[in-house]
Each structure stands twice: as structure tokens, then as C-alpha cells.
């Protein structure tokens, strides 16, 4: 399988590709999915532990995740 997927079995070839102009955007709210993947503590103001990225002195209000949003977009136009 590794040999089949290696670059040794590929070749470079020039081609002309015509695409219509388009824009597309997608937004996903991932909080529920991440909690189902056992990241529940990170979303809890009582249980979240981010000691590796914030000092205890600055963590008086407890750092935790409230929402995770993933946003992606593509814009194909005359320039590419």
C-alpha cells in the first residue's frame, strides 16, 4: 500500500481546468461532539484544568471552554 501511495508512481502533467466562480462557507458548532468524545471536564467551570497554559495566580475565574466553532470557506474566482 505504501508503494502505491508514494510519489514514485506519479507523474506531472499540465492541464487546463475550467471551474465556475463560487463561494462556499460552512460553520460547525463542535462543543457537543467534543464532550461526547470525553472532553467533558474542559467544558466545566468547576473541573477544567488548564494549568499547563495559565498560572494558578491568573486562574481565579477558572479557565474553561464554553463553545468550539469551526468555520471554513472557499472562494474560487478568476485568480484562483
PDB file of N, CA and C in Angstrom:
ATOM      1  N   UNK A   1       0.825  -1.183   0.000  1.00  0.00           N
ATOM      2  CA  UNK A   1       0.000   0.000   0.000  1.00  0.00           C
ATOM      3  C   UNK A   1       0.873   1.252   0.000  1.00  0.00           C
ATOM      4  N   UNK A   2       1.930   1.238   0.815  1.00  0.00           N
ATOM      5  CA  UNK A   2       2.828   2.394   0.891  1.00  0.00           C
ATOM      6  C   UNK A   2       3.427   2.695  -0.477  1.00  0.00           C
ATOM      7  N   UNK A   3       3.802   1.659  -1.210  1.00  0.00           N
ATOM      8  CA  UNK A   3       4.398   1.843  -2.538  1.00  0.00           C
ATOM      9  C   UNK A   3       3.382   2.441  -3.511  1.00  0.00           C
ATOM     10  N   UNK A   4       2.133   1.993  -3.430  1.00  0.00           N
ATOM     11  CA  UNK A   4       1.096   2.518  -4.317  1.00  0.00           C
ATOM     12  C   UNK A   4       0.836   4.001  -4.079  1.00  0.00           C
ATOM     13  N   UNK A   5       0.946   4.431  -2.830  1.00  0.00           N
ATOM     14  CA  UNK A   5       0.652   5.815  -2.486  1.00  0.00           C
ATOM     15  C   UNK A   5       1.868   6.740  -2.569  1.00  0.00           C
ATOM     16  N   UNK A   6       3.028   6.192  -2.855  1.00  0.00           N
ATOM     17  CA  UNK A   6       4.238   7.019  -2.890  1.00  0.00           C
ATOM     18  C   UNK A   6       4.269   7.888  -4.142  1.00  0.00           C
ATOM     19  N   UNK A   7       5.071   8.951  -4.083  1.00  0.00           N
ATOM     20  CA  UNK A   7       5.195   9.874  -5.208  1.00  0.00           C
ATOM     21  C   UNK A   7       5.960   9.265  -6.382  1.00  0.00           C
ATOM     22  N   UNK A   8       6.597   8.141  -6.188  1.00  0.00           N
ATOM     23  CA  UNK A   8       7.340   7.489  -7.264  1.00  0.00           C
ATOM     24  C   UNK A   8       6.408   7.010  -8.371  1.00  0.00           C
ATOM     25  N   UNK A   9       5.178   6.788  -8.051  1.00  0.00           N
ATOM     26  CA  UNK A   9       4.223   6.276  -9.035  1.00  0.00           C
ATOM     27  C   UNK A   9       3.380   7.383  -9.661  1.00  0.00           C
ATOM     28  N   UNK A  10       3.790   8.626  -9.501  1.00  0.00           N
ATOM     29  CA  UNK A  10       3.020   9.732 -10.063  1.00  0.00           C
ATOM     30  C   UNK A  10       3.821  10.436 -11.140  1.00  0.00           C
ATOM     31  N   UNK A  11       3.113  11.197 -11.950  1.00  0.00           N
ATOM     32  CA  UNK A  11       3.796  11.987 -12.973  1.00  0.00           C
ATOM     33  C   UNK A  11       3.149  13.367 -13.016  1.00  0.00           C
ATOM     34  N   UNK A  12       3.898  14.329 -13.497  1.00  0.00           N
ATOM     35  CA  UNK A  12       3.404  15.689 -13.623  1.00  0.00           C
ATOM     36  C   UNK A  12       2.880  15.886 -15.030  1.00  0.00           C
ATOM     37  N   UNK A  13       1.711  16.485 -15.117  1.00  0.00           N
ATOM     38  CA  UNK A  13       1.113  16.736 -16.421  1.00  0.00           C
ATOM     39  C   UNK A  13       0.346  18.049 -16.358  1.00  0.00           C
ATOM     40  N   UNK A  14       0.521  18.888 -17.362  1.00  0.00           N
ATOM     41  CA  UNK A  14      -0.189  20.157 -17.415  1.00  0.00           C
ATOM     42  C   UNK A  14      -1.581  19.932 -17.976  1.00  0.00           C
ATOM     43  N   UNK A  15      -2.542  20.654 -17.414  1.00  0.00           N
ATOM     44  CA  UNK A  15      -3.900  20.564 -17.925  1.00  0.00           C
ATOM     45  C   UNK A  15      -4.591  21.899 -17.734  1.00  0.00           C
ATOM     46  N   UNK A  16      -5.637  22.107 -18.470  1.00  0.00           N
ATOM     47  CA  UNK A  16      -6.469  23.296 -18.336  1.00  0.00           C
ATOM     48  C   UNK A  16      -7.757  22.872 -17.646  1.00  0.00           C
ATOM     49  N   UNK A  17      -8.041  23.510 -16.551  1.00  0.00           N
ATOM     50  CA  UNK A  17      -9.213  23.176 -15.757  1.00  0.00           C
ATOM     51  C   UNK A  17     -10.113  24.398 -15.693  1.00  0.00           C
ATOM     52  N   UNK A  18     -11.355  24.224 -16.054  1.00  0.00           N
ATOM     53  CA  UNK A  18     -12.321  25.317 -16.038  1.00  0.00           C
ATOM     54  C   UNK A  18     -13.339  25.062 -14.933  1.00  0.00           C
ATOM     55  N   UNK A  19     -13.463  26.040 -14.052  1.00  0.00           N
ATOM     56  CA  UNK A  19     -14.418  25.956 -12.954  1.00  0.00           C
ATOM     57  C   UNK A  19     -15.247  27.228 -12.922  1.00  0.00           C
ATOM     58  N   UNK A  20     -16.490  27.132 -12.546  1.00  0.00           N
ATOM     59  CA  UNK A  20     -17.272  28.361 -12.364  1.00  0.00           C
ATOM     60  C   UNK A  20     -16.809  29.075 -11.087  1.00  0.00           C
ATOM     61  N   UNK A  21     -17.022  30.378 -11.049  1.00  0.00           N
ATOM     62  CA  UNK A  21     -16.743  31.114  -9.817  1.00  0.00           C
ATOM     63  C   UNK A  21     -17.749  30.658  -8.764  1.00  0.00           C
ATOM     64  N   UNK A  22     -17.256  30.475  -7.558  1.00  0.00           N
ATOM     65  CA  UNK A  22     -18.179  30.144  -6.476  1.00  0.00           C
ATOM     66  C   UNK A  22     -17.552  30.461  -5.130  1.00  0.00           C
ATOM     67  N   UNK A  23     -18.413  30.657  -4.166  1.00  0.00           N
ATOM     68  CA  UNK A  23     -18.032  30.834  -2.770  1.00  0.00           C
ATOM     69  C   UNK A  23     -18.841  29.843  -1.952  1.00  0.00           C
ATOM     70  N   UNK A  24     -18.201  29.283  -0.963  1.00  0.00           N
ATOM     71  CA  UNK A  24     -18.907  28.362  -0.091  1.00  0.00           C
ATOM     72  C   UNK A  24     -18.373  28.544   1.328  1.00  0.00           C
ATOM     73  N   UNK A  25     -19.268  28.495   2.268  1.00  0.00           N
ATOM     74  CA  UNK A  25     -18.898  28.684   3.664  1.00  0.00           C
ATOM     75  C   UNK A  25     -19.654  27.674   4.513  1.00  0.00           C
ATOM     76  N   UNK A  26     -18.979  27.161   5.521  1.00  0.00           N
ATOM     77  CA  UNK A  26     -19.621  26.216   6.436  1.00  0.00           C
ATOM     78  C   UNK A  26     -19.184  26.534   7.859  1.00  0.00           C
ATOM     79  N   UNK A  27     -20.109  26.438   8.781  1.00  0.00           N
ATOM     80  CA  UNK A  27     -19.830  26.664  10.194  1.00  0.00           C
ATOM     81  C   UNK A  27     -20.352  25.469  10.981  1.00  0.00           C
ATOM     82  N   UNK A  28     -19.524  24.977  11.873  1.00  0.00           N
ATOM     83  CA  UNK A  28     -19.893  23.825  12.687  1.00  0.00           C
ATOM     84  C   UNK A  28     -19.667  24.156  14.157  1.00  0.00           C
ATOM     85  N   UNK A  29     -20.641  23.866  14.986  1.00  0.00           N
ATOM     86  CA  UNK A  29     -20.526  24.018  16.429  1.00  0.00           C
ATOM     87  C   UNK A  29     -20.125  22.652  16.970  1.00  0.00           C
ATOM     88  N   UNK A  30     -18.919  22.537  17.521  1.00  0.00           N
ATOM     89  CA  UNK A  30     -18.348  21.243  17.882  1.00  0.00           C
ATOM     90  C   UNK A  30     -18.397  20.907  19.372  1.00  0.00           C
ATOM     91  N   UNK A  31     -18.967  21.763  20.180  1.00  0.00           N
ATOM     92  CA  UNK A  31     -18.942  21.545  21.630  1.00  0.00           C
ATOM     93  C   UNK A  31     -19.566  20.215  22.040  1.00  0.00           C
ATOM     94  N   UNK A  32     -20.754  19.916  21.543  1.00  0.00           N
ATOM     95  CA  UNK A  32     -21.423  18.658  21.909  1.00  0.00           C
ATOM     96  C   UNK A  32     -20.611  17.446  21.470  1.00  0.00           C
ATOM     97  N   UNK A  33     -20.081  17.498  20.258  1.00  0.00           N
ATOM     98  CA  UNK A  33     -19.308  16.373  19.742  1.00  0.00           C
ATOM     99  C   UNK A  33     -18.046  16.141  20.579  1.00  0.00           C
ATOM    100  N   UNK A  34     -17.358  17.209  20.943  1.00  0.00           N
ATOM    101  CA  UNK A  34     -16.147  17.066  21.754  1.00  0.00           C
ATOM    102  C   UNK A  34     -16.468  16.528  23.140  1.00  0.00           C
ATOM    103  N   UNK A  35     -17.582  16.925  23.695  1.00  0.00           N
ATOM    104  CA  UNK A  35     -17.971  16.398  25.004  1.00  0.00           C
ATOM    105  C   UNK A  35     -18.319  14.915  24.916  1.00  0.00           C
ATOM    106  N   UNK A  36     -18.903  14.492  23.808  1.00  0.00           N
ATOM    107  CA  UNK A  36     -19.192  13.069  23.607  1.00  0.00           C
ATOM    108  C   UNK A  36     -17.906  12.266  23.445  1.00  0.00           C
ATOM    109  N   UNK A  37     -16.824  12.940  23.036  1.00  0.00           N
ATOM    110  CA  UNK A  37     -15.521  12.290  22.900  1.00  0.00           C
ATOM    111  C   UNK A  37     -14.711  12.394  24.194  1.00  0.00           C
ATOM    112  N   UNK A  38     -15.418  12.531  25.304  1.00  0.00           N
ATOM    113  CA  UNK A  38     -14.843  12.527  26.655  1.00  0.00           C
ATOM    114  C   UNK A  38     -14.021  13.764  26.994  1.00  0.00           C
ATOM    115  N   UNK A  39     -14.356  14.906  26.421  1.00  0.00           N
ATOM    116  CA  UNK A  39     -13.714  16.169  26.800  1.00  0.00           C
ATOM    117  C   UNK A  39     -14.626  16.976  27.722  1.00  0.00           C
ATOM    118  N   UNK A  40     -15.439  16.312  28.497  1.00  0.00           N
ATOM    119  CA  UNK A  40     -16.439  16.980  29.338  1.00  0.00           C
ATOM    120  C   UNK A  40     -15.817  17.944  30.345  1.00  0.00           C
ATOM    121  N   UNK A  41     -14.730  17.541  30.981  1.00  0.00           N
ATOM    122  CA  UNK A  41     -14.122  18.388  32.010  1.00  0.00           C
ATOM    123  C   UNK A  41     -13.671  19.737  31.463  1.00  0.00           C
ATOM    124  N   UNK A  42     -13.198  19.776  30.238  1.00  0.00           N
ATOM    125  CA  UNK A  42     -12.715  21.031  29.648  1.00  0.00           C
ATOM    126  C   UNK A  42     -13.834  22.059  29.527  1.00  0.00           C
ATOM    127  N   UNK A  43     -15.080  21.610  29.483  1.00  0.00           N
ATOM    128  CA  UNK A  43     -16.236  22.494  29.348  1.00  0.00           C
ATOM    129  C   UNK A  43     -16.872  22.845  30.700  1.00  0.00           C
ATOM    130  N   UNK A  44     -16.316  22.329  31.761  1.00  0.00           N
ATOM    131  CA  UNK A  44     -16.870  22.560  33.099  1.00  0.00           C
ATOM    132  C   UNK A  44     -16.086  23.659  33.815  1.00  0.00           C
ATOM    133  N   UNK A  45     -16.788  24.664  34.312  1.00  0.00           N
ATOM    134  CA  UNK A  45     -16.115  25.737  35.051  1.00  0.00           C
ATOM    135  C   UNK A  45     -15.531  25.225  36.370  1.00  0.00           C
ATOM    136  N   UNK A  46     -16.015  24.089  36.850  1.00  0.00           N
ATOM    137  CA  UNK A  46     -15.520  23.518  38.108  1.00  0.00           C
ATOM    138  C   UNK A  46     -14.397  22.504  37.899  1.00  0.00           C
ATOM    139  N   UNK A  47     -14.423  21.761  36.786  1.00  0.00           N
ATOM    140  CA  UNK A  47     -13.475  20.662  36.592  1.00  0.00           C
ATOM    141  C   UNK A  47     -12.352  20.950  35.603  1.00  0.00           C
ATOM    142  N   UNK A  48     -12.493  21.956  34.766  1.00  0.00           N
ATOM    143  CA  UNK A  48     -11.480  22.228  33.742  1.00  0.00           C
ATOM    144  C   UNK A  48     -10.132  22.516  34.396  1.00  0.00           C
ATOM    145  N   UNK A  49      -9.073  21.951  33.816  1.00  0.00           N
ATOM    146  CA  UNK A  49      -7.729  22.152  34.350  1.00  0.00           C
ATOM    147  C   UNK A  49      -6.794  22.501  33.197  1.00  0.00           C
ATOM    148  N   UNK A  50      -6.505  23.770  33.070  1.00  0.00           N
ATOM    149  CA  UNK A  50      -5.590  24.243  32.038  1.00  0.00           C
ATOM    150  C   UNK A  50      -4.320  24.797  32.678  1.00  0.00           C
ATOM    151  N   UNK A  51      -3.876  24.152  33.740  1.00  0.00           N
ATOM    152  CA  UNK A  51      -2.702  24.608  34.482  1.00  0.00           C
ATOM    153  C   UNK A  51      -1.457  24.672  33.600  1.00  0.00           C
ATOM    154  N   UNK A  52      -1.402  23.891  32.557  1.00  0.00           N
ATOM    155  CA  UNK A  52      -0.239  23.902  31.671  1.00  0.00           C
ATOM    156  C   UNK A  52      -0.147  25.134  30.793  1.00  0.00           C
ATOM    157  N   UNK A  53      -1.240  25.902  30.684  1.00  0.00           N
ATOM    158  CA  UNK A  53      -1.209  27.084  29.814  1.00  0.00           C
ATOM    159  C   UNK A  53      -1.532  28.377  30.549  1.00  0.00           C
ATOM    160  N   UNK A  54      -1.919  28.294  31.806  1.00  0.00           N
ATOM    161  CA  UNK A  54      -2.217  29.504  32.582  1.00  0.00           C
ATOM    162  C   UNK A  54      -1.798  29.257  34.029  1.00  0.00           C
ATOM    163  N   UNK A  55      -1.243  30.264  34.663  1.00  0.00           N
ATOM    164  CA  UNK A  55      -0.788  30.088  36.043  1.00  0.00           C
ATOM    165  C   UNK A  55      -1.977  30.077  36.999  1.00  0.00           C
ATOM    166  N   UNK A  56      -1.798  29.435  38.129  1.00  0.00           N
ATOM    167  CA  UNK A  56      -2.856  29.382  39.146  1.00  0.00           C
ATOM    168  C   UNK A  56      -3.230  30.787  39.610  1.00  0.00           C
ATOM    169  N   UNK A  57      -2.242  31.671  39.667  1.00  0.00           N
ATOM    170  CA  UNK A  57      -2.483  33.043  40.116  1.00  0.00           C
ATOM    171  C   UNK A  57      -3.480  33.750  39.198  1.00  0.00           C
ATOM    172  N   UNK A  58      -3.393  33.468  37.900  1.00  0.00           N
ATOM    173  CA  UNK A  58      -4.287  34.100  36.928  1.00  0.00           C
ATOM    174  C   UNK A  58      -5.566  33.305  36.700  1.00  0.00           C
ATOM    175  N   UNK A  59      -5.695  32.189  37.358  1.00  0.00           N
ATOM    176  CA  UNK A  59      -6.827  31.296  37.110  1.00  0.00           C
ATOM    177  C   UNK A  59      -7.914  31.445  38.173  1.00  0.00           C
ATOM    178  N   UNK A  60      -8.075  32.628  38.738  1.00  0.00           N
ATOM    179  CA  UNK A  60      -9.073  32.837  39.788  1.00  0.00           C
ATOM    180  C   UNK A  60     -10.493  32.633  39.269  1.00  0.00           C
ATOM    181  N   UNK A  61     -10.757  33.011  38.045  1.00  0.00           N
ATOM    182  CA  UNK A  61     -12.096  32.844  37.476  1.00  0.00           C
ATOM    183  C   UNK A  61     -12.241  31.530  36.717  1.00  0.00           C
ATOM    184  N   UNK A  62     -11.300  30.647  36.851  1.00  0.00           N
ATOM    185  CA  UNK A  62     -11.274  29.321  36.217  1.00  0.00           C
ATOM    186  C   UNK A  62     -11.479  29.396  34.712  1.00  0.00           C
ATOM    187  N   UNK A  63     -10.438  29.043  34.016  1.00  0.00           N
ATOM    188  CA  UNK A  63     -10.467  28.992  32.564  1.00  0.00           C
ATOM    189  C   UNK A  63     -11.141  27.693  32.125  1.00  0.00           C
ATOM    190  N   UNK A  64     -12.117  27.793  31.252  1.00  0.00           N
ATOM    191  CA  UNK A  64     -12.773  26.611  30.699  1.00  0.00           C
ATOM    192  C   UNK A  64     -13.299  26.960  29.311  1.00  0.00           C
ATOM    193  N   UNK A  65     -13.678  25.947  28.557  1.00  0.00           N
ATOM    194  CA  UNK A  65     -14.178  26.134  27.194  1.00  0.00           C
ATOM    195  C   UNK A  65     -15.691  26.280  27.249  1.00  0.00           C
ATOM    196  N   UNK A  66     -16.204  27.319  26.636  1.00  0.00           N
ATOM    197  CA  UNK A  66     -17.659  27.491  26.607  1.00  0.00           C
ATOM    198  C   UNK A  66     -18.243  27.044  25.272  1.00  0.00           C
ATOM    199  N   UNK A  67     -17.494  27.223  24.195  1.00  0.00           N
ATOM    200  CA  UNK A  67     -18.016  26.878  22.875  1.00  0.00           C
ATOM    201  C   UNK A  67     -16.844  26.672  21.918  1.00  0.00           C
ATOM    202  N   UNK A  68     -16.979  25.713  21.006  1.00  0.00           N
ATOM    203  CA  UNK A  68     -15.974  25.488  19.967  1.00  0.00           C
ATOM    204  C   UNK A  68     -16.674  25.597  18.624  1.00  0.00           C
ATOM    205  N   UNK A  69     -16.206  26.528  17.817  1.00  0.00           N
ATOM    206  CA  UNK A  69     -16.795  26.748  16.497  1.00  0.00           C
ATOM    207  C   UNK A  69     -15.712  26.574  15.447  1.00  0.00           C
ATOM    208  N   UNK A  70     -15.992  25.768  14.442  1.00  0.00           N
ATOM    209  CA  UNK A  70     -15.093  25.585  13.304  1.00  0.00           C
ATOM    210  C   UNK A  70     -15.757  26.227  12.098  1.00  0.00           C
ATOM    211  N   UNK A  71     -15.035  27.107  11.429  1.00  0.00           N
ATOM    212  CA  UNK A  71     -15.582  27.792  10.266  1.00  0.00           C
ATOM    213  C   UNK A  71     -14.597  27.630   9.120  1.00  0.00           C
ATOM    214  N   UNK A  72     -15.108  27.264   7.957  1.00  0.00           N
ATOM    215  CA  UNK A  72     -14.266  27.091   6.775  1.00  0.00           C
ATOM    216  C   UNK A  72     -14.945  27.739   5.579  1.00  0.00           C
ATOM    217  N   UNK A  73     -14.123  28.230   4.658  1.00  0.00           N
ATOM    218  CA  UNK A  73     -14.701  28.807   3.448  1.00  0.00           C
ATOM    219  C   UNK A  73     -13.762  28.598   2.275  1.00  0.00           C
ATOM    220  N   UNK A  74     -14.321  28.641   1.087  1.00  0.00           N
ATOM    221  CA  UNK A  74     -13.559  28.575  -0.149  1.00  0.00           C
ATOM    222  C   UNK A  74     -14.145  29.613  -1.092  1.00  0.00           C
ATOM    223  N   UNK A  75     -13.263  30.307  -1.785  1.00  0.00           N
ATOM    224  CA  UNK A  75     -13.666  31.343  -2.734  1.00  0.00           C
ATOM    225  C   UNK A  75     -12.863  31.121  -4.007  1.00  0.00           C
ATOM    226  N   UNK A  76     -13.493  30.583  -5.019  1.00  0.00           N
ATOM    227  CA  UNK A  76     -12.835  30.350  -6.307  1.00  0.00           C
ATOM    228  C   UNK A  76     -13.266  31.464  -7.245  1.00  0.00           C
ATOM    229  N   UNK A  77     -12.271  32.197  -7.763  1.00  0.00           N
ATOM    230  CA  UNK A  77     -12.567  33.300  -8.675  1.00  0.00           C
ATOM    231  C   UNK A  77     -11.595  33.279  -9.853  1.00  0.00           C
ATOM    232  N   UNK A  78     -11.531  34.360 -10.608  1.00  0.00           N
ATOM    233  CA  UNK A  78     -10.681  34.412 -11.789  1.00  0.00           C
ATOM    234  C   UNK A  78      -9.203  34.245 -11.456  1.00  0.00           C
ATOM    235  N   UNK A  79      -8.821  34.562 -10.247  1.00  0.00           N
ATOM    236  CA  UNK A  79      -7.418  34.498  -9.863  1.00  0.00           C
ATOM    237  C   UNK A  79      -7.024  33.158  -9.246  1.00  0.00           C
ATOM    238  N   UNK A  80      -7.991  32.314  -8.987  1.00  0.00           N
ATOM    239  CA  UNK A  80      -7.645  31.013  -8.449  1.00  0.00           C
ATOM    240  C   UNK A  80      -8.290  30.650  -7.204  1.00  0.00           C
TER     241      UNK A  80
END
